[in-house]
C-alpha atoms as a PDB file:
ATOM      1  CA  MET A   1       7.399   4.038  12.273  1.00  0.00           C
ATOM      2  CA  ALA A   2       4.586   1.685  11.314  1.00  0.00           C
ATOM      3  CA  ASP A   3       1.354   3.188  10.054  1.00  0.00           C
ATOM      4  CA  ASN A   4      -1.503   1.576  11.925  1.00  0.00           C
ATOM      5  CA  ASP A   5      -4.053   4.337  11.386  1.00  0.00           C
ATOM      6  CA  ASN A   6      -3.096   7.693   9.939  1.00  0.00           C
ATOM      7  CA  ALA A   7      -6.698   8.973  10.302  1.00  0.00           C
ATOM      8  CA  GLY A   8      -6.609  10.545   6.851  1.00  0.00           C
ATOM      9  CA  GLN A   9      -3.540  12.646   7.562  1.00  0.00           C
ATOM     10  CA  ALA A  10      -0.659  12.514   5.112  1.00  0.00           C
ATOM     11  CA  LEU A  11       2.480  11.193   6.774  1.00  0.00           C
ATOM     12  CA  ARG A  12       5.777  13.020   6.784  1.00  0.00           C
ATOM     13  CA  PRO A  13       8.907  11.054   7.641  1.00  0.00           C
ATOM     14  CA  ALA A  14      10.983  12.664  10.378  1.00  0.00           C
ATOM     15  CA  ARG A  15      14.241  14.208   9.190  1.00  0.00           C
ATOM     16  CA  GLY A  16      16.592  11.337   8.451  1.00  0.00           C
ATOM     17  CA  GLY A  17      13.839   8.822   9.224  1.00  0.00           C
ATOM     18  CA  PHE A  18      11.298   6.714   7.436  1.00  0.00           C
ATOM     19  CA  ILE A  19       7.724   5.515   7.641  1.00  0.00           C
ATOM     20  CA  LEU A  20       6.230   2.142   6.828  1.00  0.00           C
ATOM     21  CA  ILE A  21       2.736   2.062   5.318  1.00  0.00           C
ATOM     22  CA  ASP A  22       0.457  -0.975   5.204  1.00  0.00           C
ATOM     23  CA  LEU A  23      -0.668  -0.404   1.620  1.00  0.00           C
ATOM     24  CA  ALA A  24      -3.083  -3.363   1.537  1.00  0.00           C
ATOM     25  CA  GLY A  25      -4.686  -2.224   4.792  1.00  0.00           C
ATOM     26  CA  GLN A  26      -4.994   1.357   3.573  1.00  0.00           C
ATOM     27  CA  ALA A  27      -6.528   0.163   0.287  1.00  0.00           C
ATOM     28  CA  ALA A  28      -9.109  -2.003   2.092  1.00  0.00           C
ATOM     29  CA  ARG A  29     -10.017   0.881   4.416  1.00  0.00           C
ATOM     30  CA  LEU A  30     -10.354   3.284   1.493  1.00  0.00           C
ATOM     31  CA  GLN A  31     -12.598   0.900  -0.455  1.00  0.00           C
ATOM     32  CA  ALA A  32     -14.782   0.396   2.626  1.00  0.00           C
ATOM     33  CA  GLN A  33     -15.108   4.188   3.033  1.00  0.00           C
ATOM     34  CA  ARG A  34     -16.009   4.536  -0.643  1.00  0.00           C
ATOM     35  CA  ASP A  35     -18.644   1.806  -0.402  1.00  0.00           C
ATOM     36  CA  ALA A  36     -20.112   3.078   2.892  1.00  0.00           C
ATOM     37  CA  ALA A  37     -20.506   6.577   1.450  1.00  0.00           C
ATOM     38  CA  ASN A  38     -21.827   5.146  -1.844  1.00  0.00           C
ATOM     39  CA  ARG A  39     -19.343   7.253  -3.835  1.00  0.00           C
ATOM     40  CA  ASP A  40     -17.672   6.414  -7.123  1.00  0.00           C
ATOM     41  CA  ARG A  41     -14.235   7.326  -5.767  1.00  0.00           C
ATOM     42  CA  GLU A  42     -12.309   7.919  -2.583  1.00  0.00           C
ATOM     43  CA  SER A  43      -8.703   8.977  -2.088  1.00  0.00           C
ATOM     44  CA  VAL A  44      -6.190   9.708   0.632  1.00  0.00           C
ATOM     45  CA  SER A  45      -2.765  11.315   0.526  1.00  0.00           C
ATOM     46  CA  LEU A  46      -0.412   8.836   2.183  1.00  0.00           C
ATOM     47  CA  VAL A  47       2.836  10.811   2.046  1.00  0.00           C
ATOM     48  CA  LYS A  48       3.240  14.521   1.436  1.00  0.00           C
ATOM     49  CA  GLN A  49       6.613  16.149   1.862  1.00  0.00           C
ATOM     50  CA  TYR A  50       8.954  18.464  -0.066  1.00  0.00           C
ATOM     51  CA  GLY A  51       7.149  18.283  -3.384  1.00  0.00           C
ATOM     52  CA  LEU A  52       6.490  14.534  -3.137  1.00  0.00           C
ATOM     53  CA  ASN A  53       2.874  13.412  -2.938  1.00  0.00           C
ATOM     54  CA  VAL A  54       1.845   9.754  -2.758  1.00  0.00           C
ATOM     55  CA  MET A  55      -1.906   9.248  -3.025  1.00  0.00           C
ATOM     56  CA  LEU A  56      -4.015   6.119  -2.861  1.00  0.00           C
ATOM     57  CA  MET A  57      -7.273   6.156  -4.837  1.00  0.00           C
ATOM     58  CA  SER A  58     -10.175   3.718  -4.925  1.00  0.00           C
ATOM     59  CA  LEU A  59     -12.426   3.881  -8.001  1.00  0.00           C
ATOM     60  CA  ARG A  60     -15.727   2.134  -8.534  1.00  0.00           C
ATOM     61  CA  ARG A  61     -16.249   0.598 -11.984  1.00  0.00           C
ATOM     62  CA  GLY A  62     -17.223   3.380 -14.406  1.00  0.00           C
ATOM     63  CA  ALA A  63     -15.752   6.203 -12.286  1.00  0.00           C
ATOM     64  CA  ARG A  64     -14.011   8.841 -14.378  1.00  0.00           C
ATOM     65  CA  LEU A  65     -11.346  11.398 -13.715  1.00  0.00           C
ATOM     66  CA  HIS A  66     -11.830  13.965 -16.458  1.00  0.00           C
ATOM     67  CA  GLU A  67      -8.885  15.288 -18.431  1.00  0.00           C
ATOM     68  CA  HIS A  68      -6.437  17.239 -16.318  1.00  0.00           C
ATOM     69  CA  HIS A  69      -2.680  17.702 -15.897  1.00  0.00           C
ATOM     70  CA  THR A  70      -0.180  17.990 -13.071  1.00  0.00           C
ATOM     71  CA  ARG A  71       2.592  20.514 -12.489  1.00  0.00           C
ATOM     72  CA  GLY A  72       5.160  17.773 -12.009  1.00  0.00           C
ATOM     73  CA  PRO A  73       5.905  14.313 -13.373  1.00  0.00           C
ATOM     74  CA  LEU A  74       3.772  11.470 -12.084  1.00  0.00           C
ATOM     75  CA  THR A  75       3.378   7.732 -11.973  1.00  0.00           C
ATOM     76  CA  VAL A  76       0.161   5.761 -11.664  1.00  0.00           C
ATOM     77  CA  GLN A  77       0.429   2.175 -10.469  1.00  0.00           C
ATOM     78  CA  VAL A  78      -2.625  -0.067 -10.629  1.00  0.00           C
ATOM     79  CA  ILE A  79      -2.735  -2.035  -7.381  1.00  0.00           C
ATOM     80  CA  SER A  80      -5.974  -3.866  -8.194  1.00  0.00           C
ATOM     81  CA  GLY A  81      -8.490  -3.808 -11.010  1.00  0.00           C
ATOM     82  CA  ARG A  82      -8.110  -2.326 -14.472  1.00  0.00           C
ATOM     83  CA  VAL A  83      -8.371   1.225 -15.843  1.00  0.00           C
ATOM     84  CA  ASN A  84      -8.401   2.941 -19.211  1.00  0.00           C
ATOM     85  CA  PHE A  85      -5.746   5.661 -19.023  1.00  0.00           C
ATOM     86  CA  ILE A  86      -5.689   8.234 -21.828  1.00  0.00           C
ATOM     87  CA  ALA A  87      -2.530  10.341 -22.062  1.00  0.00           C
ATOM     88  CA  ALA A  88      -1.216  12.491 -24.894  1.00  0.00           C
ATOM     89  CA  GLY A  89      -4.041  11.245 -27.107  1.00  0.00           C
ATOM     90  CA  ALA A  90      -3.220   7.553 -26.617  1.00  0.00           C
ATOM     91  CA  SER A  91      -5.525   5.122 -24.838  1.00  0.00           C
ATOM     92  CA  ASN A  92      -3.846   2.547 -22.594  1.00  0.00           C
ATOM     93  CA  GLU A  93      -5.520  -0.263 -20.674  1.00  0.00           C
ATOM     94  CA  ILE A  94      -3.592  -0.703 -17.447  1.00  0.00           C
ATOM     95  CA  ALA A  95      -4.178  -3.724 -15.212  1.00  0.00           C
ATOM     96  CA  ALA A  96      -3.054  -4.625 -11.700  1.00  0.00           C
ATOM     97  CA  GLY A  97       0.714  -4.876 -11.489  1.00  0.00           C
ATOM     98  CA  SER A  98       1.363  -2.266 -14.193  1.00  0.00           C
ATOM     99  CA  MET A  99       2.429   1.344 -13.969  1.00  0.00           C
ATOM    100  CA  ILE A 100       2.475   4.319 -16.315  1.00  0.00           C
ATOM    101  CA  ALA A 101       4.743   7.351 -15.992  1.00  0.00           C
ATOM    102  CA  LEU A 102       4.053  10.792 -17.429  1.00  0.00           C
ATOM    103  CA  ASP A 103       6.037  13.955 -17.824  1.00  0.00           C
ATOM    104  CA  ARG A 104       4.672  17.118 -16.220  1.00  0.00           C
ATOM    105  CA  GLU A 105       1.833  18.998 -17.900  1.00  0.00           C
ATOM    106  CA  VAL A 106       0.707  15.966 -19.958  1.00  0.00           C
ATOM    107  CA  ALA A 107      -3.090  15.988 -20.256  1.00  0.00           C
ATOM    108  CA  HIS A 108      -4.592  12.709 -19.090  1.00  0.00           C
ATOM    109  CA  SER A 109      -7.849  11.108 -17.973  1.00  0.00           C
ATOM    110  CA  VAL A 110      -8.821   7.840 -16.304  1.00  0.00           C
ATOM    111  CA  GLU A 111     -11.866   5.581 -16.395  1.00  0.00           C
ATOM    112  CA  ALA A 112     -12.175   2.498 -14.198  1.00  0.00           C
ATOM    113  CA  ALA A 113     -13.021  -0.564 -16.299  1.00  0.00           C
ATOM    114  CA  GLU A 114     -13.642  -2.412 -13.019  1.00  0.00           C
ATOM    115  CA  ASP A 115     -13.361  -1.579  -9.323  1.00  0.00           C
ATOM    116  CA  SER A 116      -9.756  -0.436  -9.018  1.00  0.00           C
ATOM    117  CA  THR A 117      -7.158   0.840  -6.592  1.00  0.00           C
ATOM    118  CA  LEU A 118      -4.420   3.168  -7.846  1.00  0.00           C
ATOM    119  CA  LEU A 119      -1.238   4.474  -6.284  1.00  0.00           C
ATOM    120  CA  LEU A 120      -0.378   7.911  -7.666  1.00  0.00           C
ATOM    121  CA  THR A 121       2.987   9.530  -7.074  1.00  0.00           C
ATOM    122  CA  THR A 122       3.661  13.117  -8.106  1.00  0.00           C
ATOM    123  CA  ALA A 123       6.825  15.136  -7.742  1.00  0.00           C
ATOM    124  CA  ILE A 124       7.068  18.893  -7.887  1.00  0.00           C
ATOM    125  CA  GLY A 125      10.355  20.606  -7.505  1.00  0.00           C
END
C-alpha cells in the first residue's frame, strides 16, 4: 500500500502485508505544518504496531527536547540538518545521513543546530 496522505494517523501494516511511505513527502508536509503554525517542532507517528513506533520529527533551529528516556531501545536518524544529541553524558553532533542508537532507559536530549528532520524508531517488547 502506498502512503499518499495518512492524515496524521499512524499506519499499521495488514497482517502479512506491508506499507510504503513517501518519507521525503511526509518530511516536507511536516515542515510546512511546523512553519504554518510558527512552532519550533512538529512530529507525526508514521508506523505504530506491536511495540514498534516510527516517528518523523521536524525541528526548527534552536528547538530543544529536554532530557528524557524511553522504555525501549531507540534509533535517531538525521534525515536533514544537524543536531546536538546528548546521551549518557556525552555530546554528539549528528548530521544528515547519520544515526545514533541507544539502549532503553538512557537519558538523552536534543538541540537542533539548524532546521532538521529526524526519524525516530523505538521498540518496546
